[in-house]
Amino acid sequence: METMLAAVYHGPQDIRVESVPVPDIGPDEVLLRVLRANICGTDLRILHGGHRMYPPGTVRIPGHEVVGEVAAVGERVSGYRPGDRLFVAPNMGRGDSRETISGNNNLDPQFDAFGITLDGAFAEYMRVPAAAVRGGNLMPVRPEVDAAVAALIEPLACVWRGQNKIGVGAGDVVLVMGAGPIGVLHILLARLRGATRVIVSEPAAGRREQALRLGADRAVDPLSEDLAAIVRAQSDGRGADAIITAAPVKALQEQAVALAAVGGRINFFGGLSKDDALIRLDSNAVHYKELIVTGTTACSTYDCLRAAEIVNSGRLDLAPLITAEFPLAEAPAAFAAAGDGRNLRVTLAPDAPRQS
């Protein structure tokens, strides 16, 4: 039996690098050799035992931000050949649900997803089931795009979905609340979509400096500066046209309505914990300013397609978001680096030798 290296979840704080069987594939499936797989906030939540799809007793390979190359195809698969370089959109719907039919397979109540309900990308190889092959989850990546950067198509797709929901576009003053990796992606995409001013609210000095380097016009420390006054000053007194709460912090959602312009649009992007999900909302501000307040979660396969087109176009430079790389054999250290607050994205390289 052929084996491979994988980082396997065995319980909270228990990720083990193990030798496991290379997945078998059926006639309608694809075997992908993983080139790069990035560690995101969802993976950290899994590690800490906080993901509902990882109940006690779960043993599974996480990882859903992935680019690989085709290692083998089933006998009935057409359109893919060994050596093809592909991004994998993570979510699969049931196929006959209203959500999936409408193009929102990420909202399907019986969804499957790599690294969430199925074995994922923190391994040398990953099986792509027939539903994903049929569903268009495999998307070409141009050879000149770095594999770790291409794996960022997935979080970019989530950001694309959030900004689409509130119509971020030309002329907007955009406020991004939180300058972690998702906040930085919101800055970059808002710029690409034509925002004239991008303001960032972030208490960590290093992240504020990073946000300015990557395209923010103003970075505000909400703990020591008057955010509302700065937003007014940056918007000719109107307030922000579009606001994205890019961190899972209750206070940000509560503050957003006061910071919005008349007719402003707000996206609650960062979801709150179940125990902290009730907020105080000024409904009069929503009513009298005619605000739009909405939320988005994850991304559909179509969102991934649009994000893949952006990355393949070369018009958005995501390389600065990859701030550390570890061999797959050192996955526990990579998880520690991903959670230490100093990195934007940590990538795992299955083909890299163990560091001395």
Protein backbone atom coordinates (compact mmCIF):
# COMPACT_ATOMS: atom_id res chain seq x y z
CA MET A 1 0.00 0.00 0.00
CA GLU A 2 1.40 3.37 -1.03
CA THR A 3 1.56 5.89 1.80
CA MET A 4 1.89 9.65 2.15
CA LEU A 5 2.58 12.22 4.82
CA ALA A 6 -0.43 14.08 6.28
CA ALA A 7 -1.22 16.40 9.17
CA VAL A 8 -4.15 14.69 10.89
CA TYR A 9 -6.52 16.18 13.47
CA HIS A 10 -7.11 13.87 16.44
CA GLY A 11 -8.69 16.34 18.84
CA PRO A 12 -8.26 19.86 20.25
CA GLN A 13 -4.59 20.95 20.16
CA ASP A 14 -3.70 17.55 18.68
CA ILE A 15 -2.43 17.72 15.08
CA ARG A 16 -0.18 14.78 14.26
CA VAL A 17 2.06 14.37 11.24
CA GLU A 18 1.52 10.75 10.21
CA SER A 19 2.05 8.30 7.39
CA VAL A 20 -1.37 7.41 5.95
CA PRO A 21 -2.53 5.62 2.79
CA VAL A 22 -2.60 7.59 -0.44
CA PRO A 23 -6.32 7.93 -1.27
CA ASP A 24 -7.80 5.56 -3.83
CA ILE A 25 -9.88 7.23 -6.53
CA GLY A 26 -12.91 5.98 -8.39
CA PRO A 27 -13.60 6.18 -12.13
CA ASP A 28 -15.12 9.68 -11.85
CA GLU A 29 -12.55 11.12 -9.45
CA VAL A 30 -9.19 12.91 -9.54
CA LEU A 31 -6.10 12.50 -7.38
CA LEU A 32 -4.32 15.78 -6.75
CA ARG A 33 -0.71 16.14 -5.66
CA VAL A 34 -0.76 19.06 -3.25
CA LEU A 35 1.69 21.84 -4.13
CA ARG A 36 0.74 24.33 -1.41
CA ALA A 37 -1.94 24.44 1.27
CA ASN A 38 -2.43 27.55 3.42
CA ILE A 39 -3.49 27.67 7.07
CA CYS A 40 -6.42 30.01 7.73
CA GLY A 41 -8.52 31.08 10.71
CA THR A 42 -10.95 28.23 10.18
CA ASP A 43 -8.08 25.74 10.46
CA LEU A 44 -7.03 27.38 13.72
CA ARG A 45 -10.60 27.11 15.01
CA ILE A 46 -10.54 23.42 14.09
CA LEU A 47 -7.26 22.98 15.97
CA HIS A 48 -8.74 24.59 19.07
CA GLY A 49 -11.80 22.32 18.97
CA GLY A 50 -14.21 25.10 18.02
CA HIS A 51 -15.60 23.87 14.70
CA ARG A 52 -19.04 22.25 14.63
CA MET A 53 -18.02 19.84 11.86
CA TYR A 54 -15.25 18.44 14.07
CA PRO A 55 -17.19 16.92 16.98
CA PRO A 56 -15.39 14.83 19.64
CA GLY A 57 -13.90 11.68 18.14
CA THR A 58 -13.29 13.18 14.69
CA VAL A 59 -10.08 12.09 12.97
CA ARG A 60 -9.63 14.01 9.72
CA ILE A 61 -7.11 15.85 7.54
CA PRO A 62 -7.94 19.59 7.54
CA GLY A 63 -6.97 22.13 4.90
CA HIS A 64 -9.08 23.85 2.25
CA GLU A 65 -6.90 26.59 0.70
CA VAL A 66 -5.11 24.45 -1.85
CA VAL A 67 -3.41 24.35 -5.21
CA GLY A 68 -2.07 21.14 -6.67
CA GLU A 69 -1.37 19.27 -9.84
CA VAL A 70 -3.24 16.30 -11.19
CA ALA A 71 -1.48 13.05 -10.26
CA ALA A 72 -4.10 10.64 -11.66
CA VAL A 73 -7.57 10.70 -13.17
CA GLY A 74 -10.34 8.13 -13.11
CA GLU A 75 -11.15 6.29 -16.31
CA ARG A 76 -14.37 8.22 -16.89
CA VAL A 77 -12.88 11.69 -16.21
CA SER A 78 -12.41 13.99 -19.18
CA GLY A 79 -10.99 17.49 -19.34
CA TYR A 80 -8.14 16.93 -16.86
CA ARG A 81 -4.73 15.37 -17.43
CA PRO A 82 -1.81 14.47 -15.17
CA GLY A 83 0.32 17.56 -14.61
CA ASP A 84 -2.54 20.08 -14.86
CA ARG A 85 -2.10 22.79 -12.23
CA LEU A 86 -5.38 23.49 -10.44
CA PHE A 87 -7.00 25.44 -7.65
CA VAL A 88 -9.72 23.56 -5.76
CA ALA A 89 -12.90 25.38 -4.71
CA PRO A 90 -13.73 23.81 -1.36
CA ASN A 91 -17.53 23.68 -1.13
CA MET A 92 -19.92 21.19 -2.68
CA GLY A 93 -23.70 21.36 -2.45
CA ARG A 94 -26.15 18.49 -2.43
CA GLY A 95 -27.05 19.33 -6.02
CA ASP A 96 -30.85 19.41 -5.74
CA SER A 97 -31.27 21.95 -2.93
CA ARG A 98 -32.64 25.43 -3.56
CA GLU A 99 -29.38 26.92 -2.28
CA THR A 100 -27.16 24.98 -4.67
CA ILE A 101 -29.52 25.45 -7.62
CA SER A 102 -29.38 29.22 -7.03
CA GLY A 103 -25.57 29.18 -7.14
CA ASN A 104 -25.07 29.32 -3.38
CA ASN A 105 -23.71 25.86 -2.67
CA ASN A 106 -21.87 27.25 0.36
CA LEU A 107 -25.30 27.70 2.00
CA ASP A 108 -26.53 24.18 1.27
CA PRO A 109 -27.61 22.71 4.65
CA GLN A 110 -26.08 19.38 3.62
CA PHE A 111 -22.88 20.74 2.10
CA ASP A 112 -19.57 18.92 1.87
CA ALA A 113 -16.22 20.70 1.91
CA PHE A 114 -12.58 19.72 1.72
CA GLY A 115 -10.93 19.90 5.11
CA ILE A 116 -14.30 20.43 6.82
CA THR A 117 -16.45 17.35 6.22
CA LEU A 118 -13.95 15.54 3.94
CA ASP A 119 -10.22 14.93 4.18
CA GLY A 120 -8.46 18.04 2.96
CA ALA A 121 -5.19 19.48 1.77
CA PHE A 122 -2.70 19.12 4.62
CA ALA A 123 -1.27 16.05 2.94
CA GLU A 124 0.87 15.07 -0.01
CA TYR A 125 -2.19 13.96 -2.01
CA MET A 126 -5.90 14.76 -1.92
CA ARG A 127 -8.83 12.89 -3.43
CA VAL A 128 -11.28 15.04 -5.40
CA PRO A 129 -14.66 13.25 -5.46
CA ALA A 130 -16.94 13.04 -8.45
CA ALA A 131 -19.28 15.75 -7.14
CA ALA A 132 -16.42 18.27 -7.18
CA VAL A 133 -15.17 17.17 -10.60
CA ARG A 134 -18.68 17.50 -12.05
CA GLY A 135 -19.38 20.71 -10.14
CA GLY A 136 -16.52 22.71 -11.62
CA ASN A 137 -14.52 22.90 -8.38
CA LEU A 138 -11.23 22.33 -10.23
CA MET A 139 -9.99 25.56 -11.81
CA PRO A 140 -6.83 26.14 -13.86
CA VAL A 141 -3.98 28.20 -12.42
CA ARG A 142 -1.54 29.91 -14.77
CA PRO A 143 2.02 28.55 -14.45
CA GLU A 144 3.49 31.94 -13.54
CA VAL A 145 1.24 32.30 -10.46
CA ASP A 146 2.98 31.09 -7.29
CA ALA A 147 1.12 28.09 -5.84
CA ALA A 148 0.81 29.56 -2.33
CA VAL A 149 -0.57 32.79 -3.80
CA ALA A 150 -3.01 30.83 -5.96
CA ALA A 151 -4.26 29.02 -2.85
CA LEU A 152 -5.41 32.47 -1.65
CA ILE A 153 -8.14 32.31 -4.30
CA GLU A 154 -10.40 30.76 -1.64
CA PRO A 155 -10.24 33.59 0.93
CA LEU A 156 -10.30 36.13 -1.91
CA ALA A 157 -13.52 34.48 -3.08
CA CYS A 158 -15.02 34.96 0.40
CA VAL A 159 -13.99 38.62 0.28
CA TRP A 160 -15.38 38.98 -3.24
CA ARG A 161 -18.71 37.59 -2.02
CA GLY A 162 -18.80 40.06 0.87
CA GLN A 163 -18.02 43.08 -1.28
CA ASN A 164 -20.45 42.01 -3.99
CA LYS A 165 -23.22 41.82 -1.39
CA ILE A 166 -22.80 45.52 -0.57
CA GLY A 167 -21.76 46.66 -4.04
CA VAL A 168 -18.33 48.10 -3.28
CA GLY A 169 -17.40 50.16 -6.30
CA ALA A 170 -16.11 53.32 -7.92
CA GLY A 171 -16.19 56.42 -5.74
CA ASP A 172 -16.84 54.64 -2.46
CA VAL A 173 -15.27 55.53 0.85
CA VAL A 174 -14.70 52.12 2.38
CA LEU A 175 -14.08 51.36 6.05
CA VAL A 176 -12.48 48.00 6.82
CA MET A 177 -12.65 47.12 10.52
CA GLY A 178 -9.79 44.72 11.23
CA ALA A 179 -6.48 44.41 9.34
CA GLY A 180 -5.69 40.74 9.61
CA PRO A 181 -5.31 38.69 6.42
CA ILE A 182 -8.99 39.03 5.54
CA GLY A 183 -8.93 42.77 6.19
CA VAL A 184 -5.89 43.12 3.92
CA LEU A 185 -7.70 41.21 1.16
CA HIS A 186 -10.64 43.61 1.58
CA ILE A 187 -8.28 46.57 1.20
CA LEU A 188 -6.73 45.18 -1.98
CA LEU A 189 -10.04 44.18 -3.56
CA ALA A 190 -11.76 47.46 -2.68
CA ARG A 191 -8.93 49.27 -4.45
CA LEU A 192 -9.32 47.06 -7.50
CA ARG A 193 -13.08 47.69 -7.54
CA GLY A 194 -12.55 51.47 -7.64
CA ALA A 195 -12.89 52.72 -4.05
CA THR A 196 -11.51 56.24 -3.75
CA ARG A 197 -10.65 56.04 -0.03
CA VAL A 198 -9.97 52.98 2.10
CA ILE A 199 -9.84 53.52 5.87
CA VAL A 200 -8.74 50.74 8.21
CA SER A 201 -9.52 50.44 11.91
CA GLU A 202 -7.01 48.17 13.68
CA PRO A 203 -5.62 48.28 17.25
CA ALA A 204 -2.35 46.44 16.47
CA ALA A 205 0.39 48.85 15.35
CA GLY A 206 2.19 46.32 13.14
CA ARG A 207 -0.99 45.49 11.28
CA ARG A 208 -1.81 49.18 10.80
CA GLU A 209 1.62 49.73 9.23
CA GLN A 210 1.11 46.67 7.04
CA ALA A 211 -2.30 47.94 5.92
CA LEU A 212 -0.81 51.25 4.86
CA ARG A 213 1.93 49.50 2.88
CA LEU A 214 -0.68 47.41 1.10
CA GLY A 215 -2.98 50.23 0.02
CA ALA A 216 -4.99 51.70 2.89
CA ASP A 217 -5.21 55.52 2.82
CA ARG A 218 -5.61 55.87 6.58
CA ALA A 219 -5.04 53.41 9.40
CA VAL A 220 -6.73 54.25 12.71
CA ASP A 221 -6.04 52.96 16.20
CA PRO A 222 -9.61 52.78 17.59
CA LEU A 223 -8.28 52.55 21.15
CA SER A 224 -6.50 55.90 21.09
CA GLU A 225 -8.06 57.84 18.18
CA ASP A 226 -11.59 59.04 17.43
CA LEU A 227 -12.59 56.68 14.65
CA ALA A 228 -15.91 58.41 13.94
CA ALA A 229 -14.24 61.82 13.59
CA ILE A 230 -11.58 60.42 11.28
CA VAL A 231 -14.16 58.67 9.09
CA ARG A 232 -16.10 61.94 8.80
CA ALA A 233 -12.92 63.84 7.93
CA GLN A 234 -11.97 61.29 5.28
CA SER A 235 -15.45 61.37 3.69
CA ASP A 236 -16.34 65.07 3.56
CA GLY A 237 -18.51 64.60 6.63
CA ARG A 238 -20.71 61.86 5.13
CA GLY A 239 -19.49 58.71 6.82
CA ALA A 240 -18.38 55.53 5.07
CA ASP A 241 -20.29 54.37 2.00
CA ALA A 242 -19.33 50.75 2.62
CA ILE A 243 -18.25 49.15 5.89
CA ILE A 244 -16.84 45.65 6.33
CA THR A 245 -16.41 44.17 9.81
CA ALA A 246 -13.47 41.94 8.93
CA ALA A 247 -12.87 40.58 12.43
CA PRO A 248 -15.13 38.49 14.68
CA VAL A 249 -15.60 41.25 17.26
CA LYS A 250 -19.05 42.13 18.61
CA ALA A 251 -18.23 45.81 19.19
CA LEU A 252 -17.37 46.33 15.51
CA GLN A 253 -20.83 45.27 14.39
CA GLU A 254 -22.44 47.50 17.00
CA GLN A 255 -20.35 50.53 15.95
CA ALA A 256 -20.79 50.13 12.21
CA VAL A 257 -24.23 51.73 11.85
CA ALA A 258 -23.03 54.97 13.47
CA LEU A 259 -20.07 55.19 11.10
CA ALA A 260 -22.07 54.68 7.90
CA ALA A 261 -23.13 57.44 5.52
CA VAL A 262 -26.75 57.97 4.61
CA GLY A 263 -27.56 55.09 2.27
CA GLY A 264 -24.48 53.23 3.46
CA ARG A 265 -23.98 49.48 3.18
CA ILE A 266 -22.58 47.25 5.90
CA ASN A 267 -21.30 43.69 5.63
CA PHE A 268 -20.93 41.64 8.79
CA PHE A 269 -18.10 39.54 7.41
CA GLY A 270 -16.49 38.16 10.57
CA GLY A 271 -18.91 35.78 12.28
CA LEU A 272 -19.23 35.87 16.07
CA SER A 273 -19.08 32.93 18.43
CA LYS A 274 -22.41 31.30 19.24
CA ASP A 275 -22.29 32.55 22.84
CA ASP A 276 -21.58 36.15 21.79
CA ALA A 277 -23.79 36.56 18.74
CA LEU A 278 -26.46 38.91 20.15
CA ILE A 279 -25.62 42.57 19.55
CA ARG A 280 -27.19 45.95 20.32
CA LEU A 281 -28.22 47.53 17.01
CA ASP A 282 -29.42 51.12 16.64
CA SER A 283 -32.45 50.40 14.49
CA ASN A 284 -33.25 54.12 14.15
CA ALA A 285 -29.88 54.64 12.47
CA VAL A 286 -30.74 51.84 10.04
CA HIS A 287 -34.21 53.29 9.50
CA TYR A 288 -33.46 57.00 9.11
CA LYS A 289 -30.21 56.59 7.17
CA GLU A 290 -31.75 53.84 5.00
CA LEU A 291 -28.80 51.56 5.63
CA ILE A 292 -28.30 48.11 4.18
CA VAL A 293 -26.96 45.66 6.77
CA THR A 294 -26.10 42.20 5.55
CA GLY A 295 -23.77 39.27 6.12
CA THR A 296 -21.90 36.71 4.07
CA THR A 297 -20.34 33.39 4.93
CA ALA A 298 -17.72 31.36 3.09
CA CYS A 299 -17.88 31.32 -0.73
CA SER A 300 -19.67 29.55 -3.54
CA THR A 301 -17.93 27.81 -6.41
CA TYR A 302 -18.91 30.75 -8.63
CA ASP A 303 -17.27 33.17 -6.19
CA CYS A 304 -14.12 31.05 -6.49
CA LEU A 305 -14.31 31.22 -10.28
CA ARG A 306 -14.40 35.01 -10.19
CA ALA A 307 -11.53 35.15 -7.68
CA ALA A 308 -9.51 32.71 -9.80
CA GLU A 309 -10.02 34.96 -12.81
CA ILE A 310 -8.70 37.93 -10.83
CA VAL A 311 -5.62 36.06 -9.58
CA ASN A 312 -4.87 34.59 -13.01
CA SER A 313 -5.16 38.09 -14.54
CA GLY A 314 -2.21 39.33 -12.48
CA ARG A 315 -4.07 42.54 -11.59
CA LEU A 316 -3.98 41.87 -7.85
CA ASP A 317 -0.65 41.19 -6.14
CA LEU A 318 -1.35 38.81 -3.25
CA ALA A 319 2.26 37.71 -2.73
CA PRO A 320 2.76 39.96 0.36
CA LEU A 321 0.13 37.94 2.21
CA ILE A 322 2.30 34.81 2.23
CA THR A 323 4.56 35.57 5.18
CA ALA A 324 5.88 32.12 6.18
CA GLU A 325 6.38 28.67 4.65
CA PHE A 326 6.87 25.37 6.46
CA PRO A 327 7.38 21.81 5.28
CA LEU A 328 4.35 19.59 5.78
CA ALA A 329 6.47 17.55 8.19
CA GLU A 330 6.52 20.58 10.50
CA ALA A 331 2.77 21.22 10.48
CA PRO A 332 2.46 21.72 14.28
CA ALA A 333 5.06 24.51 14.12
CA ALA A 334 3.25 25.99 11.12
CA PHE A 335 -0.03 26.07 13.05
CA ALA A 336 1.76 27.83 15.92
CA ALA A 337 3.14 30.44 13.52
CA ALA A 338 -0.28 30.92 11.93
CA GLY A 339 -1.79 31.66 15.32
CA ASP A 340 0.85 33.93 16.78
CA GLY A 341 -0.58 37.15 15.32
CA ARG A 342 2.58 38.03 13.39
CA ASN A 343 1.78 36.30 10.09
CA LEU A 344 -0.85 36.97 7.47
CA ARG A 345 -0.77 33.55 5.77
CA VAL A 346 1.37 30.54 6.55
CA THR A 347 1.69 27.97 3.79
CA LEU A 348 2.53 24.27 4.02
CA ALA A 349 4.77 22.78 1.34
CA PRO A 350 4.50 18.99 1.07
CA ASP A 351 7.52 18.84 -1.24
CA ALA A 352 9.80 20.90 1.01
CA PRO A 353 12.46 19.11 3.11
CA ARG A 354 12.26 19.28 6.88
CA GLN A 355 14.14 22.32 8.19
CA SER A 356 17.25 21.62 10.26
